[in-house]
């Protein structure tokens, strides 16, 4: 959970001094798999059987919490997202 009272809005047309990537969100899990088998039909001809699977484990990739100070409510990623295994 991010304590927004520790931050103040920067002056207009400035970036502020909070630094990059101070709020860390969940990691990215992306597993792709390919299975293939080549069968020789003739000397110069082959038949290829191929199966491509994207997002093999069907794992959700969550976004990081919003980092906007103007909102009164700070977003939190619940812990049960991390413990679903």
C-alpha atoms as a PDB file:
ATOM      1  CA  UNK A   1       0.000   0.000   0.000  1.00  0.00           C
ATOM      2  CA  UNK A   2       1.311   3.434  -0.897  1.00  0.00           C
ATOM      3  CA  UNK A   3       1.069   6.200   1.693  1.00  0.00           C
ATOM      4  CA  UNK A   4       0.141   9.241  -0.398  1.00  0.00           C
ATOM      5  CA  UNK A   5       0.621  11.624   2.543  1.00  0.00           C
ATOM      6  CA  UNK A   6       4.399  11.236   2.060  1.00  0.00           C
ATOM      7  CA  UNK A   7       4.207  12.926  -1.336  1.00  0.00           C
ATOM      8  CA  UNK A   8       3.259  16.410  -2.446  1.00  0.00           C
ATOM      9  CA  UNK A   9       2.265  17.538  -5.909  1.00  0.00           C
ATOM     10  CA  UNK A  10       5.140  19.249  -7.778  1.00  0.00           C
ATOM     11  CA  UNK A  11       4.940  22.848  -8.898  1.00  0.00           C
ATOM     12  CA  UNK A  12       3.236  23.443 -12.198  1.00  0.00           C
ATOM     13  CA  UNK A  13       5.314  22.497 -15.291  1.00  0.00           C
ATOM     14  CA  UNK A  14       7.921  20.599 -13.221  1.00  0.00           C
ATOM     15  CA  UNK A  15       8.538  16.892 -12.762  1.00  0.00           C
ATOM     16  CA  UNK A  16       9.185  16.727  -9.023  1.00  0.00           C
ATOM     17  CA  UNK A  17      11.814  14.631  -7.255  1.00  0.00           C
ATOM     18  CA  UNK A  18      10.110  11.333  -6.369  1.00  0.00           C
ATOM     19  CA  UNK A  19      12.243   9.180  -8.682  1.00  0.00           C
ATOM     20  CA  UNK A  20      11.378   6.485 -11.174  1.00  0.00           C
ATOM     21  CA  UNK A  21       9.811   3.142 -10.306  1.00  0.00           C
ATOM     22  CA  UNK A  22       9.283   3.792  -6.595  1.00  0.00           C
ATOM     23  CA  UNK A  23       6.000   1.845  -6.681  1.00  0.00           C
ATOM     24  CA  UNK A  24       6.612  -1.765  -7.644  1.00  0.00           C
ATOM     25  CA  UNK A  25       3.795  -3.817  -9.078  1.00  0.00           C
ATOM     26  CA  UNK A  26       3.525  -7.539  -9.751  1.00  0.00           C
ATOM     27  CA  UNK A  27       5.941  -9.161 -12.171  1.00  0.00           C
ATOM     28  CA  UNK A  28       5.203 -10.289 -15.697  1.00  0.00           C
ATOM     29  CA  UNK A  29       4.824 -14.007 -16.348  1.00  0.00           C
ATOM     30  CA  UNK A  30       4.587 -14.981 -19.978  1.00  0.00           C
ATOM     31  CA  UNK A  31       5.192 -18.589 -21.014  1.00  0.00           C
ATOM     32  CA  UNK A  32       4.953 -19.556 -24.669  1.00  0.00           C
ATOM     33  CA  UNK A  33       5.574 -23.092 -25.923  1.00  0.00           C
ATOM     34  CA  UNK A  34       6.099 -24.676 -29.327  1.00  0.00           C
ATOM     35  CA  UNK A  35       6.098 -28.386 -30.096  1.00  0.00           C
ATOM     36  CA  UNK A  36       6.990 -29.546 -33.574  1.00  0.00           C
ATOM     37  CA  UNK A  37       7.768 -32.744 -35.425  1.00  0.00           C
ATOM     38  CA  UNK A  38       9.117 -33.058 -38.956  1.00  0.00           C
ATOM     39  CA  UNK A  39       8.169 -36.105 -41.012  1.00  0.00           C
ATOM     40  CA  UNK A  40      10.177 -36.979 -44.121  1.00  0.00           C
ATOM     41  CA  UNK A  41       7.812 -37.787 -46.985  1.00  0.00           C
ATOM     42  CA  UNK A  42      10.410 -37.976 -49.752  1.00  0.00           C
ATOM     43  CA  UNK A  43      14.053 -37.051 -49.956  1.00  0.00           C
ATOM     44  CA  UNK A  44      13.329 -33.370 -50.617  1.00  0.00           C
ATOM     45  CA  UNK A  45       9.869 -33.086 -49.022  1.00  0.00           C
ATOM     46  CA  UNK A  46       8.916 -32.817 -45.388  1.00  0.00           C
ATOM     47  CA  UNK A  47       5.653 -32.541 -43.531  1.00  0.00           C
ATOM     48  CA  UNK A  48       5.766 -30.492 -40.356  1.00  0.00           C
ATOM     49  CA  UNK A  49       3.319 -30.883 -37.465  1.00  0.00           C
ATOM     50  CA  UNK A  50       3.489 -27.841 -35.208  1.00  0.00           C
ATOM     51  CA  UNK A  51       1.568 -26.669 -32.129  1.00  0.00           C
ATOM     52  CA  UNK A  52       2.122 -23.124 -30.808  1.00  0.00           C
ATOM     53  CA  UNK A  53       0.692 -22.210 -27.414  1.00  0.00           C
ATOM     54  CA  UNK A  54       0.712 -18.639 -26.169  1.00  0.00           C
ATOM     55  CA  UNK A  55       0.216 -17.844 -22.467  1.00  0.00           C
ATOM     56  CA  UNK A  56       0.658 -21.569 -21.795  1.00  0.00           C
ATOM     57  CA  UNK A  57      -0.226 -21.506 -18.068  1.00  0.00           C
ATOM     58  CA  UNK A  58      -3.016 -18.894 -18.484  1.00  0.00           C
ATOM     59  CA  UNK A  59      -1.522 -16.727 -15.727  1.00  0.00           C
ATOM     60  CA  UNK A  60      -3.080 -13.269 -15.175  1.00  0.00           C
ATOM     61  CA  UNK A  61      -0.703 -10.327 -15.606  1.00  0.00           C
ATOM     62  CA  UNK A  62      -1.871  -7.520 -13.351  1.00  0.00           C
ATOM     63  CA  UNK A  63      -1.130  -3.832 -13.797  1.00  0.00           C
ATOM     64  CA  UNK A  64       0.770  -1.761 -11.262  1.00  0.00           C
ATOM     65  CA  UNK A  65      -1.257   0.463  -8.912  1.00  0.00           C
ATOM     66  CA  UNK A  66      -2.073   3.953 -10.144  1.00  0.00           C
ATOM     67  CA  UNK A  67       0.477   6.570  -9.181  1.00  0.00           C
ATOM     68  CA  UNK A  68      -1.681   9.701  -9.311  1.00  0.00           C
ATOM     69  CA  UNK A  69      -1.713  11.981  -6.277  1.00  0.00           C
ATOM     70  CA  UNK A  70      -4.860  13.857  -7.250  1.00  0.00           C
ATOM     71  CA  UNK A  71      -7.104  10.916  -6.386  1.00  0.00           C
ATOM     72  CA  UNK A  72      -8.234  10.541  -2.797  1.00  0.00           C
ATOM     73  CA  UNK A  73      -8.155   6.754  -2.990  1.00  0.00           C
ATOM     74  CA  UNK A  74      -4.892   4.885  -3.487  1.00  0.00           C
ATOM     75  CA  UNK A  75      -5.078   1.604  -5.388  1.00  0.00           C
ATOM     76  CA  UNK A  76      -3.863  -1.579  -3.741  1.00  0.00           C
ATOM     77  CA  UNK A  77      -3.348  -5.023  -5.247  1.00  0.00           C
ATOM     78  CA  UNK A  78      -4.852  -7.510  -2.760  1.00  0.00           C
ATOM     79  CA  UNK A  79      -2.568 -10.216  -1.417  1.00  0.00           C
ATOM     80  CA  UNK A  80      -4.867 -13.021  -2.557  1.00  0.00           C
ATOM     81  CA  UNK A  81      -3.742 -12.298  -6.150  1.00  0.00           C
ATOM     82  CA  UNK A  82      -0.225 -13.329  -5.156  1.00  0.00           C
ATOM     83  CA  UNK A  83      -1.271 -16.451  -3.260  1.00  0.00           C
ATOM     84  CA  UNK A  84      -3.392 -18.126  -5.945  1.00  0.00           C
ATOM     85  CA  UNK A  85      -1.328 -21.156  -6.880  1.00  0.00           C
END
